[in-house]
Amino acid sequence: MKGYAIIFLIQALTAGVLACDCDYHPGGCTISKAPPAGWKCKCRYKGAWTCDGLQIQCDATESCPVNCFSRACCLEGGGDCGGY
């Protein structure tokens, strides 16, 4: 029973960490998996032509729509958006 609780916890933490993602394209990163509404994605270049995404909750004054893959949404996240 304890093992199931640990597996569930790991899956829950992984789901939160992987809520948004970014891919490398020539010049930098682009959003490949958009975060849910109310969140923004900060694309980060990791080296060796690899990017990842960090999901950040938006402030009440920010507009963070669902399913947004645009350069504008990437820039809102404040990361590497050079692949657009």
PDB file of N, CA and C in Angstrom:
ATOM      1  N   MET A   1       0.824  -1.197   0.000  1.00  0.00           N
ATOM      2  CA  MET A   1       0.000   0.000   0.000  1.00  0.00           C
ATOM      3  C   MET A   1       0.863   1.255   0.000  1.00  0.00           C
ATOM      4  N   LYS A   2       1.950   1.220   0.764  1.00  0.00           N
ATOM      5  CA  LYS A   2       2.852   2.366   0.837  1.00  0.00           C
ATOM      6  C   LYS A   2       3.493   2.631  -0.529  1.00  0.00           C
ATOM      7  N   GLY A   3       3.784   1.548  -1.250  1.00  0.00           N
ATOM      8  CA  GLY A   3       4.382   1.680  -2.571  1.00  0.00           C
ATOM      9  C   GLY A   3       3.471   2.404  -3.546  1.00  0.00           C
ATOM     10  N   TYR A   4       2.167   2.125  -3.476  1.00  0.00           N
ATOM     11  CA  TYR A   4       1.207   2.800  -4.345  1.00  0.00           C
ATOM     12  C   TYR A   4       1.135   4.289  -4.044  1.00  0.00           C
ATOM     13  N   ALA A   5       1.228   4.641  -2.772  1.00  0.00           N
ATOM     14  CA  ALA A   5       1.191   6.055  -2.387  1.00  0.00           C
ATOM     15  C   ALA A   5       2.401   6.788  -2.939  1.00  0.00           C
ATOM     16  N   ILE A   6       3.553   6.153  -2.903  1.00  0.00           N
ATOM     17  CA  ILE A   6       4.775   6.773  -3.427  1.00  0.00           C
ATOM     18  C   ILE A   6       4.673   6.940  -4.939  1.00  0.00           C
ATOM     19  N   ILE A   7       4.186   5.928  -5.630  1.00  0.00           N
ATOM     20  CA  ILE A   7       4.029   6.018  -7.086  1.00  0.00           C
ATOM     21  C   ILE A   7       3.052   7.131  -7.445  1.00  0.00           C
ATOM     22  N   PHE A   8       1.938   7.222  -6.733  1.00  0.00           N
ATOM     23  CA  PHE A   8       0.960   8.276  -6.984  1.00  0.00           C
ATOM     24  C   PHE A   8       1.584   9.649  -6.780  1.00  0.00           C
ATOM     25  N   LEU A   9       2.363   9.820  -5.724  1.00  0.00           N
ATOM     26  CA  LEU A   9       3.015  11.095  -5.440  1.00  0.00           C
ATOM     27  C   LEU A   9       3.997  11.463  -6.543  1.00  0.00           C
ATOM     28  N   ILE A  10       4.779  10.516  -7.002  1.00  0.00           N
ATOM     29  CA  ILE A  10       5.739  10.774  -8.083  1.00  0.00           C
ATOM     30  C   ILE A  10       5.004  11.175  -9.356  1.00  0.00           C
ATOM     31  N   GLN A  11       3.914  10.495  -9.682  1.00  0.00           N
ATOM     32  CA  GLN A  11       3.144  10.839 -10.878  1.00  0.00           C
ATOM     33  C   GLN A  11       2.545  12.230 -10.763  1.00  0.00           C
ATOM     34  N   ALA A  12       2.049  12.589  -9.597  1.00  0.00           N
ATOM     35  CA  ALA A  12       1.460  13.917  -9.400  1.00  0.00           C
ATOM     36  C   ALA A  12       2.515  15.000  -9.541  1.00  0.00           C
ATOM     37  N   LEU A  13       3.688  14.777  -8.978  1.00  0.00           N
ATOM     38  CA  LEU A  13       4.761  15.768  -9.089  1.00  0.00           C
ATOM     39  C   LEU A  13       5.251  15.887 -10.521  1.00  0.00           C
ATOM     40  N   THR A  14       5.382  14.764 -11.206  1.00  0.00           N
ATOM     41  CA  THR A  14       5.828  14.783 -12.594  1.00  0.00           C
ATOM     42  C   THR A  14       4.821  15.501 -13.477  1.00  0.00           C
ATOM     43  N   ALA A  15       3.546  15.304 -13.261  1.00  0.00           N
ATOM     44  CA  ALA A  15       2.516  15.971 -14.069  1.00  0.00           C
ATOM     45  C   ALA A  15       2.620  17.475 -13.916  1.00  0.00           C
ATOM     46  N   GLY A  16       2.875  17.959 -12.733  1.00  0.00           N
ATOM     47  CA  GLY A  16       3.019  19.397 -12.513  1.00  0.00           C
ATOM     48  C   GLY A  16       4.260  19.952 -13.164  1.00  0.00           C
ATOM     49  N   VAL A  17       5.352  19.209 -13.104  1.00  0.00           N
ATOM     50  CA  VAL A  17       6.609  19.667 -13.679  1.00  0.00           C
ATOM     51  C   VAL A  17       6.522  19.713 -15.200  1.00  0.00           C
ATOM     52  N   LEU A  18       5.829  18.770 -15.784  1.00  0.00           N
ATOM     53  CA  LEU A  18       5.762  18.670 -17.239  1.00  0.00           C
ATOM     54  C   LEU A  18       4.510  19.315 -17.819  1.00  0.00           C
ATOM     55  N   ALA A  19       3.946  20.269 -17.122  1.00  0.00           N
ATOM     56  CA  ALA A  19       2.698  20.878 -17.570  1.00  0.00           C
ATOM     57  C   ALA A  19       2.874  21.707 -18.835  1.00  0.00           C
ATOM     58  N   CYS A  20       4.035  22.290 -19.047  1.00  0.00           N
ATOM     59  CA  CYS A  20       4.322  22.947 -20.327  1.00  0.00           C
ATOM     60  C   CYS A  20       5.681  22.453 -20.789  1.00  0.00           C
ATOM     61  N   ASP A  21       5.923  22.566 -22.087  1.00  0.00           N
ATOM     62  CA  ASP A  21       7.200  22.110 -22.620  1.00  0.00           C
ATOM     63  C   ASP A  21       7.566  22.956 -23.826  1.00  0.00           C
ATOM     64  N   CYS A  22       8.840  22.992 -24.125  1.00  0.00           N
ATOM     65  CA  CYS A  22       9.358  23.756 -25.263  1.00  0.00           C
ATOM     66  C   CYS A  22      10.325  22.886 -26.048  1.00  0.00           C
ATOM     67  N   ASP A  23      10.388  23.108 -27.352  1.00  0.00           N
ATOM     68  CA  ASP A  23      11.299  22.394 -28.239  1.00  0.00           C
ATOM     69  C   ASP A  23      12.290  23.371 -28.846  1.00  0.00           C
ATOM     70  N   TYR A  24      13.454  22.835 -29.219  1.00  0.00           N
ATOM     71  CA  TYR A  24      14.467  23.659 -29.878  1.00  0.00           C
ATOM     72  C   TYR A  24      14.192  23.723 -31.375  1.00  0.00           C
ATOM     73  N   HIS A  25      14.339  24.901 -31.936  1.00  0.00           N
ATOM     74  CA  HIS A  25      14.319  25.146 -33.380  1.00  0.00           C
ATOM     75  C   HIS A  25      15.488  26.077 -33.663  1.00  0.00           C
ATOM     76  N   PRO A  26      15.976  26.143 -34.899  1.00  0.00           N
ATOM     77  CA  PRO A  26      17.107  27.027 -35.174  1.00  0.00           C
ATOM     78  C   PRO A  26      16.868  28.439 -34.631  1.00  0.00           C
ATOM     79  N   GLY A  27      17.740  28.873 -33.767  1.00  0.00           N
ATOM     80  CA  GLY A  27      17.636  30.202 -33.173  1.00  0.00           C
ATOM     81  C   GLY A  27      17.170  30.201 -31.730  1.00  0.00           C
ATOM     82  N   GLY A  28      16.529  29.120 -31.283  1.00  0.00           N
ATOM     83  CA  GLY A  28      16.077  29.086 -29.892  1.00  0.00           C
ATOM     84  C   GLY A  28      14.888  28.171 -29.680  1.00  0.00           C
ATOM     85  N   CYS A  29      14.088  28.515 -28.693  1.00  0.00           N
ATOM     86  CA  CYS A  29      12.992  27.649 -28.245  1.00  0.00           C
ATOM     87  C   CYS A  29      11.628  28.128 -28.733  1.00  0.00           C
ATOM     88  N   THR A  30      10.681  27.185 -28.807  1.00  0.00           N
ATOM     89  CA  THR A  30       9.267  27.481 -29.057  1.00  0.00           C
ATOM     90  C   THR A  30       8.432  26.617 -28.113  1.00  0.00           C
ATOM     91  N   ILE A  31       7.238  27.080 -27.781  1.00  0.00           N
ATOM     92  CA  ILE A  31       6.343  26.304 -26.927  1.00  0.00           C
ATOM     93  C   ILE A  31       5.800  25.120 -27.728  1.00  0.00           C
ATOM     94  N   SER A  32       5.968  23.913 -27.196  1.00  0.00           N
ATOM     95  CA  SER A  32       5.443  22.714 -27.856  1.00  0.00           C
ATOM     96  C   SER A  32       4.261  22.116 -27.098  1.00  0.00           C
ATOM     97  N   LYS A  33       4.164  22.393 -25.811  1.00  0.00           N
ATOM     98  CA  LYS A  33       3.021  21.968 -24.995  1.00  0.00           C
ATOM     99  C   LYS A  33       2.620  23.162 -24.142  1.00  0.00           C
ATOM    100  N   ALA A  34       1.473  23.729 -24.458  1.00  0.00           N
ATOM    101  CA  ALA A  34       1.027  24.954 -23.786  1.00  0.00           C
ATOM    102  C   ALA A  34       0.508  24.658 -22.377  1.00  0.00           C
ATOM    103  N   PRO A  35       0.699  25.598 -21.462  1.00  0.00           N
ATOM    104  CA  PRO A  35       0.166  25.429 -20.112  1.00  0.00           C
ATOM    105  C   PRO A  35      -1.340  25.698 -20.084  1.00  0.00           C
ATOM    106  N   PRO A  36      -2.004  25.338 -19.001  1.00  0.00           N
ATOM    107  CA  PRO A  36      -3.439  25.621 -18.892  1.00  0.00           C
ATOM    108  C   PRO A  36      -3.703  27.110 -18.694  1.00  0.00           C
ATOM    109  N   ALA A  37      -4.955  27.502 -18.804  1.00  0.00           N
ATOM    110  CA  ALA A  37      -5.338  28.906 -18.604  1.00  0.00           C
ATOM    111  C   ALA A  37      -4.879  29.378 -17.226  1.00  0.00           C
ATOM    112  N   GLY A  38      -4.390  30.605 -17.182  1.00  0.00           N
ATOM    113  CA  GLY A  38      -3.920  31.171 -15.923  1.00  0.00           C
ATOM    114  C   GLY A  38      -2.461  30.897 -15.626  1.00  0.00           C
ATOM    115  N   TRP A  39      -1.791  30.235 -16.551  1.00  0.00           N
ATOM    116  CA  TRP A  39      -0.371  29.907 -16.400  1.00  0.00           C
ATOM    117  C   TRP A  39       0.376  30.334 -17.655  1.00  0.00           C
ATOM    118  N   LYS A  40       1.664  30.599 -17.518  1.00  0.00           N
ATOM    119  CA  LYS A  40       2.519  30.914 -18.659  1.00  0.00           C
ATOM    120  C   LYS A  40       3.685  29.943 -18.676  1.00  0.00           C
ATOM    121  N   CYS A  41       4.328  29.843 -19.824  1.00  0.00           N
ATOM    122  CA  CYS A  41       5.425  28.901 -20.004  1.00  0.00           C
ATOM    123  C   CYS A  41       6.719  29.667 -20.260  1.00  0.00           C
ATOM    124  N   LYS A  42       7.706  29.430 -19.436  1.00  0.00           N
ATOM    125  CA  LYS A  42       9.032  30.030 -19.616  1.00  0.00           C
ATOM    126  C   LYS A  42       9.916  28.984 -20.281  1.00  0.00           C
ATOM    127  N   CYS A  43      10.231  29.209 -21.562  1.00  0.00           N
ATOM    128  CA  CYS A  43      11.097  28.294 -22.294  1.00  0.00           C
ATOM    129  C   CYS A  43      12.548  28.541 -21.894  1.00  0.00           C
ATOM    130  N   ARG A  44      13.280  27.440 -21.696  1.00  0.00           N
ATOM    131  CA  ARG A  44      14.679  27.541 -21.286  1.00  0.00           C
ATOM    132  C   ARG A  44      15.544  26.682 -22.198  1.00  0.00           C
ATOM    133  N   TYR A  45      16.585  27.293 -22.766  1.00  0.00           N
ATOM    134  CA  TYR A  45      17.548  26.547 -23.572  1.00  0.00           C
ATOM    135  C   TYR A  45      18.470  25.796 -22.625  1.00  0.00           C
ATOM    136  N   LYS A  46      18.572  24.487 -22.789  1.00  0.00           N
ATOM    137  CA  LYS A  46      19.345  23.644 -21.883  1.00  0.00           C
ATOM    138  C   LYS A  46      20.721  23.285 -22.430  1.00  0.00           C
ATOM    139  N   GLY A  47      21.015  23.659 -23.671  1.00  0.00           N
ATOM    140  CA  GLY A  47      22.268  23.270 -24.305  1.00  0.00           C
ATOM    141  C   GLY A  47      22.041  22.063 -25.201  1.00  0.00           C
ATOM    142  N   ALA A  48      22.973  21.833 -26.105  1.00  0.00           N
ATOM    143  CA  ALA A  48      22.917  20.690 -27.030  1.00  0.00           C
ATOM    144  C   ALA A  48      21.581  20.623 -27.770  1.00  0.00           C
ATOM    145  N   TRP A  49      21.105  21.770 -28.244  1.00  0.00           N
ATOM    146  CA  TRP A  49      19.889  21.872 -29.049  1.00  0.00           C
ATOM    147  C   TRP A  49      18.658  21.312 -28.324  1.00  0.00           C
ATOM    148  N   THR A  50      18.567  21.603 -27.049  1.00  0.00           N
ATOM    149  CA  THR A  50      17.477  21.101 -26.209  1.00  0.00           C
ATOM    150  C   THR A  50      16.861  22.233 -25.402  1.00  0.00           C
ATOM    151  N   CYS A  51      15.533  22.244 -25.322  1.00  0.00           N
ATOM    152  CA  CYS A  51      14.809  23.222 -24.502  1.00  0.00           C
ATOM    153  C   CYS A  51      13.848  22.488 -23.579  1.00  0.00           C
ATOM    154  N   ASP A  52      13.487  23.143 -22.492  1.00  0.00           N
ATOM    155  CA  ASP A  52      12.404  22.651 -21.655  1.00  0.00           C
ATOM    156  C   ASP A  52      11.526  23.828 -21.277  1.00  0.00           C
ATOM    157  N   GLY A  53      10.430  23.549 -20.589  1.00  0.00           N
ATOM    158  CA  GLY A  53       9.506  24.609 -20.197  1.00  0.00           C
ATOM    159  C   GLY A  53       9.244  24.593 -18.705  1.00  0.00           C
ATOM    160  N   LEU A  54       9.161  25.768 -18.132  1.00  0.00           N
ATOM    161  CA  LEU A  54       8.840  25.931 -16.719  1.00  0.00           C
ATOM    162  C   LEU A  54       7.495  26.636 -16.622  1.00  0.00           C
ATOM    163  N   GLN A  55       6.521  25.980 -16.005  1.00  0.00           N
ATOM    164  CA  GLN A  55       5.186  26.562 -15.866  1.00  0.00           C
ATOM    165  C   GLN A  55       5.179  27.535 -14.696  1.00  0.00           C
ATOM    166  N   ILE A  56       4.690  28.761 -14.945  1.00  0.00           N
ATOM    167  CA  ILE A  56       4.647  29.819 -13.932  1.00  0.00           C
ATOM    168  C   ILE A  56       3.225  30.367 -13.875  1.00  0.00           C
ATOM    169  N   GLN A  57       2.692  30.512 -12.672  1.00  0.00           N
ATOM    170  CA  GLN A  57       1.339  31.052 -12.527  1.00  0.00           C
ATOM    171  C   GLN A  57       1.336  32.535 -12.880  1.00  0.00           C
ATOM    172  N   CYS A  58       0.314  32.966 -13.603  1.00  0.00           N
ATOM    173  CA  CYS A  58       0.193  34.361 -14.021  1.00  0.00           C
ATOM    174  C   CYS A  58      -0.370  35.217 -12.893  1.00  0.00           C
ATOM    175  N   ASP A  59       0.012  36.489 -12.901  1.00  0.00           N
ATOM    176  CA  ASP A  59      -0.576  37.459 -11.985  1.00  0.00           C
ATOM    177  C   ASP A  59      -1.988  37.777 -12.461  1.00  0.00           C
ATOM    178  N   ALA A  60      -2.784  38.345 -11.589  1.00  0.00           N
ATOM    179  CA  ALA A  60      -4.165  38.698 -11.935  1.00  0.00           C
ATOM    180  C   ALA A  60      -4.229  39.716 -13.068  1.00  0.00           C
ATOM    181  N   THR A  61      -3.178  40.514 -13.249  1.00  0.00           N
ATOM    182  CA  THR A  61      -3.161  41.551 -14.282  1.00  0.00           C
ATOM    183  C   THR A  61      -2.718  41.022 -15.645  1.00  0.00           C
ATOM    184  N   GLU A  62      -2.222  39.786 -15.705  1.00  0.00           N
ATOM    185  CA  GLU A  62      -1.727  39.218 -16.954  1.00  0.00           C
ATOM    186  C   GLU A  62      -2.823  38.435 -17.676  1.00  0.00           C
ATOM    187  N   SER A  63      -2.723  38.421 -18.995  1.00  0.00           N
ATOM    188  CA  SER A  63      -3.629  37.623 -19.812  1.00  0.00           C
ATOM    189  C   SER A  63      -2.885  36.357 -20.227  1.00  0.00           C
ATOM    190  N   CYS A  64      -3.299  35.220 -19.714  1.00  0.00           N
ATOM    191  CA  CYS A  64      -2.633  33.951 -20.006  1.00  0.00           C
ATOM    192  C   CYS A  64      -3.674  32.942 -20.487  1.00  0.00           C
ATOM    193  N   PRO A  65      -3.970  32.959 -21.794  1.00  0.00           N
ATOM    194  CA  PRO A  65      -5.017  32.082 -22.335  1.00  0.00           C
ATOM    195  C   PRO A  65      -4.576  30.620 -22.404  1.00  0.00           C
ATOM    196  N   VAL A  66      -5.554  29.752 -22.540  1.00  0.00           N
ATOM    197  CA  VAL A  66      -5.289  28.327 -22.687  1.00  0.00           C
ATOM    198  C   VAL A  66      -4.859  28.025 -24.131  1.00  0.00           C
ATOM    199  N   ASN A  67      -4.078  26.980 -24.319  1.00  0.00           N
ATOM    200  CA  ASN A  67      -3.640  26.511 -25.642  1.00  0.00           C
ATOM    201  C   ASN A  67      -2.949  27.579 -26.467  1.00  0.00           C
ATOM    202  N   CYS A  68      -2.106  28.374 -25.857  1.00  0.00           N
ATOM    203  CA  CYS A  68      -1.400  29.429 -26.582  1.00  0.00           C
ATOM    204  C   CYS A  68       0.033  28.988 -26.869  1.00  0.00           C
ATOM    205  N   PHE A  69       0.351  28.888 -28.156  1.00  0.00           N
ATOM    206  CA  PHE A  69       1.674  28.473 -28.606  1.00  0.00           C
ATOM    207  C   PHE A  69       2.418  29.621 -29.293  1.00  0.00           C
ATOM    208  N   SER A  70       1.863  30.809 -29.284  1.00  0.00           N
ATOM    209  CA  SER A  70       2.404  31.928 -30.056  1.00  0.00           C
ATOM    210  C   SER A  70       3.686  32.505 -29.451  1.00  0.00           C
ATOM    211  N   ARG A  71       4.377  33.293 -30.261  1.00  0.00           N
ATOM    212  CA  ARG A  71       5.574  33.993 -29.799  1.00  0.00           C
ATOM    213  C   ARG A  71       5.216  34.947 -28.666  1.00  0.00           C
ATOM    214  N   ALA A  72       4.059  35.596 -28.770  1.00  0.00           N
ATOM    215  CA  ALA A  72       3.630  36.532 -27.721  1.00  0.00           C
ATOM    216  C   ALA A  72       3.471  35.813 -26.381  1.00  0.00           C
ATOM    217  N   CYS A  73       2.885  34.621 -26.394  1.00  0.00           N
ATOM    218  CA  CYS A  73       2.736  33.857 -25.148  1.00  0.00           C
ATOM    219  C   CYS A  73       4.094  33.401 -24.621  1.00  0.00           C
ATOM    220  N   CYS A  74       4.986  33.048 -25.517  1.00  0.00           N
ATOM    221  CA  CYS A  74       6.335  32.672 -25.104  1.00  0.00           C
ATOM    222  C   CYS A  74       7.038  33.857 -24.445  1.00  0.00           C
ATOM    223  N   LEU A  75       6.941  35.020 -25.063  1.00  0.00           N
ATOM    224  CA  LEU A  75       7.570  36.217 -24.503  1.00  0.00           C
ATOM    225  C   LEU A  75       6.974  36.577 -23.147  1.00  0.00           C
ATOM    226  N   GLU A  76       5.683  36.323 -22.969  1.00  0.00           N
ATOM    227  CA  GLU A  76       5.024  36.569 -21.677  1.00  0.00           C
ATOM    228  C   GLU A  76       5.686  35.741 -20.570  1.00  0.00           C
ATOM    229  N   GLY A  77       6.169  34.549 -20.936  1.00  0.00           N
ATOM    230  CA  GLY A  77       6.854  33.687 -19.975  1.00  0.00           C
ATOM    231  C   GLY A  77       8.239  34.172 -19.604  1.00  0.00           C
ATOM    232  N   GLY A  78       8.821  35.019 -20.448  1.00  0.00           N
ATOM    233  CA  GLY A  78      10.107  35.627 -20.125  1.00  0.00           C
ATOM    234  C   GLY A  78      11.334  34.780 -20.393  1.00  0.00           C
ATOM    235  N   GLY A  79      11.205  33.748 -21.194  1.00  0.00           N
ATOM    236  CA  GLY A  79      12.352  32.878 -21.453  1.00  0.00           C
ATOM    237  C   GLY A  79      12.928  33.050 -22.845  1.00  0.00           C
ATOM    238  N   ASP A  80      13.524  31.974 -23.356  1.00  0.00           N
ATOM    239  CA  ASP A  80      14.134  31.938 -24.684  1.00  0.00           C
ATOM    240  C   ASP A  80      13.042  31.663 -25.712  1.00  0.00           C
ATOM    241  N   CYS A  81      12.798  32.613 -26.588  1.00  0.00           N
ATOM    242  CA  CYS A  81      11.758  32.473 -27.619  1.00  0.00           C
ATOM    243  C   CYS A  81      12.342  32.688 -29.009  1.00  0.00           C
ATOM    244  N   GLY A  82      13.617  32.408 -29.175  1.00  0.00           N
ATOM    245  CA  GLY A  82      14.307  32.677 -30.431  1.00  0.00           C
ATOM    246  C   GLY A  82      13.968  31.745 -31.573  1.00  0.00           C
ATOM    247  N   GLY A  83      13.192  30.698 -31.335  1.00  0.00           N
ATOM    248  CA  GLY A  83      12.869  29.738 -32.390  1.00  0.00           C
ATOM    249  C   GLY A  83      11.646  30.088 -33.217  1.00  0.00           C
ATOM    250  N   TYR A  84      11.007  31.208 -32.926  1.00  0.00           N
ATOM    251  CA  TYR A  84       9.795  31.594 -33.662  1.00  0.00           C
ATOM    252  C   TYR A  84      10.124  32.305 -34.950  1.00  0.00           C
TER     253      TYR A  84
END
